[in-house]
């Protein structure tokens, strides 16, 4: 495995939505299935448990007929949860041979 320099990406979004609805969008599997990933991707698999130590398994699928018309599995492992306020999780995209492609840390 090649190790690259650590990088940080900061994205800020201000949503005109009630905080409890935004929280549900991040924690409810049915809602995650509707919005997770790039535009035109689907999420045929969104399963798991949002709890400290819990895992969420997501498989994204790219647009039909595009170069991304394949599955892109990933695992989220929850480190910290402050209900209604904060989610901290590791995110690991999984390669075609089951290898971890990158190690990411997300705070939402």
C-alpha atoms as a PDB file:
ATOM      1  CA  UNK A   1       0.000   0.000   0.000  1.00  0.00           C
ATOM      2  CA  UNK A   2       1.309   3.457  -0.898  1.00  0.00           C
ATOM      3  CA  UNK A   3       1.106   6.070   1.854  1.00  0.00           C
ATOM      4  CA  UNK A   4       0.540   9.644   0.715  1.00  0.00           C
ATOM      5  CA  UNK A   5       0.785  12.861   2.690  1.00  0.00           C
ATOM      6  CA  UNK A   6      -2.105  13.633   4.976  1.00  0.00           C
ATOM      7  CA  UNK A   7      -4.655  16.023   3.531  1.00  0.00           C
ATOM      8  CA  UNK A   8      -7.580  17.925   4.972  1.00  0.00           C
ATOM      9  CA  UNK A   9     -10.682  18.982   3.084  1.00  0.00           C
ATOM     10  CA  UNK A  10     -13.193  21.296   4.720  1.00  0.00           C
ATOM     11  CA  UNK A  11     -16.683  21.614   3.260  1.00  0.00           C
ATOM     12  CA  UNK A  12     -19.229  23.936   4.832  1.00  0.00           C
ATOM     13  CA  UNK A  13     -22.921  23.786   4.042  1.00  0.00           C
ATOM     14  CA  UNK A  14     -25.694  25.894   5.512  1.00  0.00           C
ATOM     15  CA  UNK A  15     -29.002  24.140   5.036  1.00  0.00           C
ATOM     16  CA  UNK A  16     -32.418  25.730   5.332  1.00  0.00           C
ATOM     17  CA  UNK A  17     -33.833  22.752   7.179  1.00  0.00           C
ATOM     18  CA  UNK A  18     -34.663  21.883  10.756  1.00  0.00           C
ATOM     19  CA  UNK A  19     -31.683  20.448  12.648  1.00  0.00           C
ATOM     20  CA  UNK A  20     -33.585  17.238  13.468  1.00  0.00           C
ATOM     21  CA  UNK A  21     -34.276  16.608   9.770  1.00  0.00           C
ATOM     22  CA  UNK A  22     -30.605  17.102   8.860  1.00  0.00           C
ATOM     23  CA  UNK A  23     -29.621  14.746  11.691  1.00  0.00           C
ATOM     24  CA  UNK A  24     -32.075  12.146  10.393  1.00  0.00           C
ATOM     25  CA  UNK A  25     -30.659  12.508   6.856  1.00  0.00           C
ATOM     26  CA  UNK A  26     -27.227  11.540   8.237  1.00  0.00           C
ATOM     27  CA  UNK A  27     -28.425   8.721  10.512  1.00  0.00           C
ATOM     28  CA  UNK A  28     -31.498   7.088   8.932  1.00  0.00           C
ATOM     29  CA  UNK A  29     -30.544   4.391   6.403  1.00  0.00           C
ATOM     30  CA  UNK A  30     -33.567   5.098   4.165  1.00  0.00           C
ATOM     31  CA  UNK A  31     -32.667   8.785   3.963  1.00  0.00           C
ATOM     32  CA  UNK A  32     -28.940   8.111   3.476  1.00  0.00           C
ATOM     33  CA  UNK A  33     -29.838   5.869   0.559  1.00  0.00           C
ATOM     34  CA  UNK A  34     -31.497   8.837  -1.172  1.00  0.00           C
ATOM     35  CA  UNK A  35     -28.645  11.367  -1.028  1.00  0.00           C
ATOM     36  CA  UNK A  36     -25.296   9.727  -0.296  1.00  0.00           C
ATOM     37  CA  UNK A  37     -22.630  10.024  -2.993  1.00  0.00           C
ATOM     38  CA  UNK A  38     -22.180  11.914  -6.239  1.00  0.00           C
ATOM     39  CA  UNK A  39     -25.064  13.104  -8.389  1.00  0.00           C
ATOM     40  CA  UNK A  40     -26.600  10.343 -10.550  1.00  0.00           C
ATOM     41  CA  UNK A  41     -25.159   7.583  -8.329  1.00  0.00           C
ATOM     42  CA  UNK A  42     -27.516   5.187  -6.559  1.00  0.00           C
ATOM     43  CA  UNK A  43     -27.033   3.378  -3.267  1.00  0.00           C
ATOM     44  CA  UNK A  44     -28.317  -0.202  -3.584  1.00  0.00           C
ATOM     45  CA  UNK A  45     -26.892  -1.081  -0.155  1.00  0.00           C
ATOM     46  CA  UNK A  46     -27.100   1.082   2.968  1.00  0.00           C
ATOM     47  CA  UNK A  47     -27.011  -1.062   6.100  1.00  0.00           C
ATOM     48  CA  UNK A  48     -25.713  -0.642   9.583  1.00  0.00           C
ATOM     49  CA  UNK A  49     -26.085   0.872  12.979  1.00  0.00           C
ATOM     50  CA  UNK A  50     -25.339   4.460  13.945  1.00  0.00           C
ATOM     51  CA  UNK A  51     -23.772   4.068  17.382  1.00  0.00           C
ATOM     52  CA  UNK A  52     -20.279   4.504  18.755  1.00  0.00           C
ATOM     53  CA  UNK A  53     -18.415   1.437  17.519  1.00  0.00           C
ATOM     54  CA  UNK A  54     -21.135   0.722  14.961  1.00  0.00           C
ATOM     55  CA  UNK A  55     -20.603   0.364  11.241  1.00  0.00           C
ATOM     56  CA  UNK A  56     -22.533   1.527   8.187  1.00  0.00           C
ATOM     57  CA  UNK A  57     -21.936  -0.359   4.945  1.00  0.00           C
ATOM     58  CA  UNK A  58     -22.767   1.616   1.813  1.00  0.00           C
ATOM     59  CA  UNK A  59     -22.438   0.479  -1.778  1.00  0.00           C
ATOM     60  CA  UNK A  60     -22.741   3.260  -4.328  1.00  0.00           C
ATOM     61  CA  UNK A  61     -23.331   2.456  -7.996  1.00  0.00           C
ATOM     62  CA  UNK A  62     -22.399   4.799 -10.836  1.00  0.00           C
ATOM     63  CA  UNK A  63     -24.673   5.901 -13.674  1.00  0.00           C
ATOM     64  CA  UNK A  64     -25.634   3.180 -16.167  1.00  0.00           C
ATOM     65  CA  UNK A  65     -23.538   3.223 -19.326  1.00  0.00           C
ATOM     66  CA  UNK A  66     -20.900   5.528 -17.835  1.00  0.00           C
ATOM     67  CA  UNK A  67     -17.289   4.626 -16.976  1.00  0.00           C
ATOM     68  CA  UNK A  68     -18.539   4.475 -13.349  1.00  0.00           C
ATOM     69  CA  UNK A  69     -21.213   1.830 -14.021  1.00  0.00           C
ATOM     70  CA  UNK A  70     -19.960  -0.362 -11.178  1.00  0.00           C
ATOM     71  CA  UNK A  71     -20.211  -0.782  -7.423  1.00  0.00           C
ATOM     72  CA  UNK A  72     -18.190   1.373  -5.040  1.00  0.00           C
ATOM     73  CA  UNK A  73     -18.428  -0.145  -1.530  1.00  0.00           C
ATOM     74  CA  UNK A  74     -17.365   1.662   1.624  1.00  0.00           C
ATOM     75  CA  UNK A  75     -17.550   1.281   5.386  1.00  0.00           C
ATOM     76  CA  UNK A  76     -18.209   4.007   7.962  1.00  0.00           C
ATOM     77  CA  UNK A  77     -17.132   3.291  11.556  1.00  0.00           C
ATOM     78  CA  UNK A  78     -18.597   5.639  14.145  1.00  0.00           C
ATOM     79  CA  UNK A  79     -16.193   7.138  16.711  1.00  0.00           C
ATOM     80  CA  UNK A  80     -18.263   9.860  18.363  1.00  0.00           C
ATOM     81  CA  UNK A  81     -21.946  10.731  18.383  1.00  0.00           C
ATOM     82  CA  UNK A  82     -23.562  13.736  20.010  1.00  0.00           C
ATOM     83  CA  UNK A  83     -27.254  13.272  19.142  1.00  0.00           C
ATOM     84  CA  UNK A  84     -28.594  16.072  16.997  1.00  0.00           C
ATOM     85  CA  UNK A  85     -25.216  17.820  16.879  1.00  0.00           C
ATOM     86  CA  UNK A  86     -22.179  15.830  15.825  1.00  0.00           C
ATOM     87  CA  UNK A  87     -21.113  12.637  14.040  1.00  0.00           C
ATOM     88  CA  UNK A  88     -17.488  11.550  13.779  1.00  0.00           C
ATOM     89  CA  UNK A  89     -16.683   8.507  11.686  1.00  0.00           C
ATOM     90  CA  UNK A  90     -13.881   6.804   9.835  1.00  0.00           C
ATOM     91  CA  UNK A  91     -14.685   6.213   6.177  1.00  0.00           C
ATOM     92  CA  UNK A  92     -12.964   3.575   4.118  1.00  0.00           C
ATOM     93  CA  UNK A  93     -13.659   3.029   0.421  1.00  0.00           C
ATOM     94  CA  UNK A  94     -13.072  -0.635  -0.424  1.00  0.00           C
ATOM     95  CA  UNK A  95     -11.243  -1.725  -3.618  1.00  0.00           C
ATOM     96  CA  UNK A  96     -12.173  -4.578  -5.965  1.00  0.00           C
ATOM     97  CA  UNK A  97     -10.040  -7.064  -4.011  1.00  0.00           C
ATOM     98  CA  UNK A  98     -11.420  -6.015  -0.620  1.00  0.00           C
ATOM     99  CA  UNK A  99      -8.479  -3.719   0.138  1.00  0.00           C
ATOM    100  CA  UNK A 100      -8.894  -0.391   1.922  1.00  0.00           C
ATOM    101  CA  UNK A 101      -8.303   2.342  -0.688  1.00  0.00           C
ATOM    102  CA  UNK A 102      -7.962   5.303   1.674  1.00  0.00           C
ATOM    103  CA  UNK A 103      -8.504   6.100   5.320  1.00  0.00           C
ATOM    104  CA  UNK A 104     -10.699   9.108   5.915  1.00  0.00           C
ATOM    105  CA  UNK A 105     -12.069  10.819   8.987  1.00  0.00           C
ATOM    106  CA  UNK A 106     -15.318  12.765   8.700  1.00  0.00           C
ATOM    107  CA  UNK A 107     -16.818  15.130  11.252  1.00  0.00           C
ATOM    108  CA  UNK A 108     -20.349  16.313  10.498  1.00  0.00           C
END
